[in-house]
Protein backbone atom coordinates (compact mmCIF):
# COMPACT_ATOMS: atom_id res chain seq x y z
CA MET A 1 -6.43 5.97 -94.61
CA ASP A 2 -6.59 2.76 -92.58
CA ARG A 3 -7.27 2.66 -88.82
CA GLN A 4 -3.65 1.66 -87.85
CA ARG A 5 -2.22 4.75 -89.53
CA LYS A 6 -4.75 7.02 -87.85
CA GLU A 7 -4.01 5.57 -84.41
CA GLY A 8 -0.25 5.38 -84.37
CA GLY A 9 1.03 3.29 -87.25
CA ALA A 10 4.22 4.02 -89.14
CA ALA A 11 2.79 7.08 -90.94
CA ALA A 12 1.06 8.57 -87.90
CA ARG A 13 1.52 12.32 -87.52
CA ARG A 14 2.91 13.45 -84.16
CA ASN A 15 3.86 16.84 -82.77
CA LEU A 16 7.16 17.54 -80.99
CA PHE A 17 5.46 19.98 -78.60
CA GLU A 18 2.68 17.63 -77.43
CA GLY A 19 2.68 15.48 -74.31
CA ILE A 20 4.84 17.75 -72.18
CA PRO A 21 3.59 17.80 -68.56
CA GLU A 22 3.12 21.09 -66.75
CA GLU A 23 5.56 20.09 -63.98
CA LEU A 24 8.99 18.58 -64.90
CA PRO A 25 10.80 17.42 -61.74
CA GLU A 26 13.35 15.72 -64.02
CA GLU A 27 14.19 15.83 -67.73
CA LEU A 28 11.69 14.13 -69.99
CA MET A 29 13.28 11.91 -72.63
CA THR A 30 11.15 10.39 -75.39
CA ILE A 31 12.42 8.17 -78.18
CA LEU A 32 10.95 9.38 -81.40
CA ALA A 33 12.50 6.83 -83.77
CA THR A 34 15.16 4.15 -83.64
CA GLY A 35 16.72 1.68 -86.05
CA ASN A 36 19.94 0.73 -87.88
CA GLY A 37 22.17 2.03 -85.13
CA VAL A 38 20.41 5.45 -84.91
CA THR A 39 18.20 6.76 -82.12
CA ILE A 40 16.33 10.04 -82.33
CA GLU A 41 14.91 11.46 -79.10
CA ARG A 42 13.17 14.51 -77.76
CA ILE A 43 14.54 15.88 -74.50
CA VAL A 44 12.62 18.44 -72.49
CA SER A 45 14.46 20.33 -69.72
CA LYS A 46 13.10 22.91 -67.33
CA GLY A 47 15.76 24.01 -64.88
CA GLN A 48 17.64 20.72 -64.99
CA ALA A 49 21.41 20.47 -65.33
CA SER A 50 23.89 17.62 -64.96
CA PRO A 51 24.71 16.83 -61.31
CA GLU A 52 27.85 18.49 -60.01
CA GLY A 53 30.91 16.45 -61.01
CA PHE A 54 28.92 14.27 -63.48
CA TRP A 55 30.08 14.08 -67.10
CA TYR A 56 28.40 12.27 -70.00
CA ASP A 57 30.87 9.91 -71.75
CA GLN A 58 28.89 8.24 -74.48
CA GLU A 59 29.96 5.42 -76.81
CA THR A 60 28.12 7.01 -79.77
CA HIS A 61 28.14 10.36 -81.45
CA GLU A 62 25.28 12.71 -80.60
CA TRP A 63 24.00 15.56 -82.72
CA VAL A 64 21.78 17.95 -80.73
CA LEU A 65 19.49 20.76 -81.87
CA VAL A 66 17.83 23.20 -79.45
CA VAL A 67 14.36 23.64 -80.92
CA GLN A 68 12.96 25.88 -78.16
CA GLY A 69 14.50 27.59 -75.19
CA GLU A 70 18.20 27.71 -74.37
CA ALA A 71 20.91 25.83 -72.46
CA ARG A 72 24.52 25.91 -71.51
CA LEU A 73 26.83 22.96 -72.28
CA ARG A 74 30.34 22.42 -71.31
CA PHE A 75 32.98 20.02 -72.65
CA GLU A 76 35.63 18.88 -70.23
CA GLY A 77 38.57 21.35 -70.26
CA GLU A 78 36.73 23.89 -72.40
CA GLU A 79 34.64 27.04 -71.96
CA GLU A 80 30.90 26.84 -71.59
CA ILE A 81 28.77 27.06 -74.76
CA HIS A 82 25.47 28.91 -74.72
CA LEU A 83 22.95 27.33 -77.07
CA ARG A 84 19.78 29.10 -78.17
CA ALA A 85 16.85 27.99 -80.32
CA GLY A 86 18.17 26.91 -83.71
CA ASP A 87 21.67 26.17 -82.49
CA HIS A 88 22.98 22.66 -83.03
CA LEU A 89 26.27 20.83 -82.55
CA LEU A 90 27.90 17.49 -82.92
CA ILE A 91 29.19 15.85 -79.75
CA PRO A 92 31.76 13.26 -80.76
CA ALA A 93 31.71 9.82 -79.11
CA ARG A 94 33.67 9.88 -75.80
CA ALA A 95 33.76 13.69 -75.63
CA ARG A 96 33.07 14.26 -71.93
CA HIS A 97 30.40 16.93 -71.55
CA ARG A 98 27.65 18.16 -69.22
CA VAL A 99 24.63 20.45 -69.28
CA THR A 100 25.43 23.30 -66.86
CA TRP A 101 22.11 25.24 -67.10
CA THR A 102 18.63 25.35 -68.52
CA PRO A 103 16.07 28.04 -67.58
CA GLU A 104 13.63 27.24 -64.82
CA ASP A 105 10.81 29.41 -66.15
CA ARG A 106 10.32 27.71 -69.55
CA GLU A 107 11.00 24.46 -71.36
CA THR A 108 14.05 23.81 -73.41
CA ILE A 109 13.22 21.27 -76.10
CA TRP A 110 16.09 19.41 -77.72
CA VAL A 111 16.18 16.93 -80.55
CA ALA A 112 19.08 14.47 -80.12
CA VAL A 113 20.33 12.01 -82.73
CA HIS A 114 22.62 9.23 -81.44
CA PHE A 115 24.62 7.30 -84.02
CA SER A 116 27.83 5.30 -84.49
């Protein structure tokens, strides 16, 4: 294997659970891959939620998977959804939504795929 691949080239192995700091005063968002109108990111939450009155209103679709932990999400005008590890859902473009809760005592790790 050549040196570039060992040190971070295209085929470098990475781990979703690495590089998470002990303290998380705000959500940690890391882009894992991007190209051709698609962005894949890891989001780590620990007690964070959307600010009161704030709604995400994105131009692209977003598919989210809770890999570890749990969270509550709410779409405007709808009941809150409780997501646990393994749960995933598609958030259509322009669907106003917000994160209402993540636990403070452990990380919630999400994988989010943004696409047109």
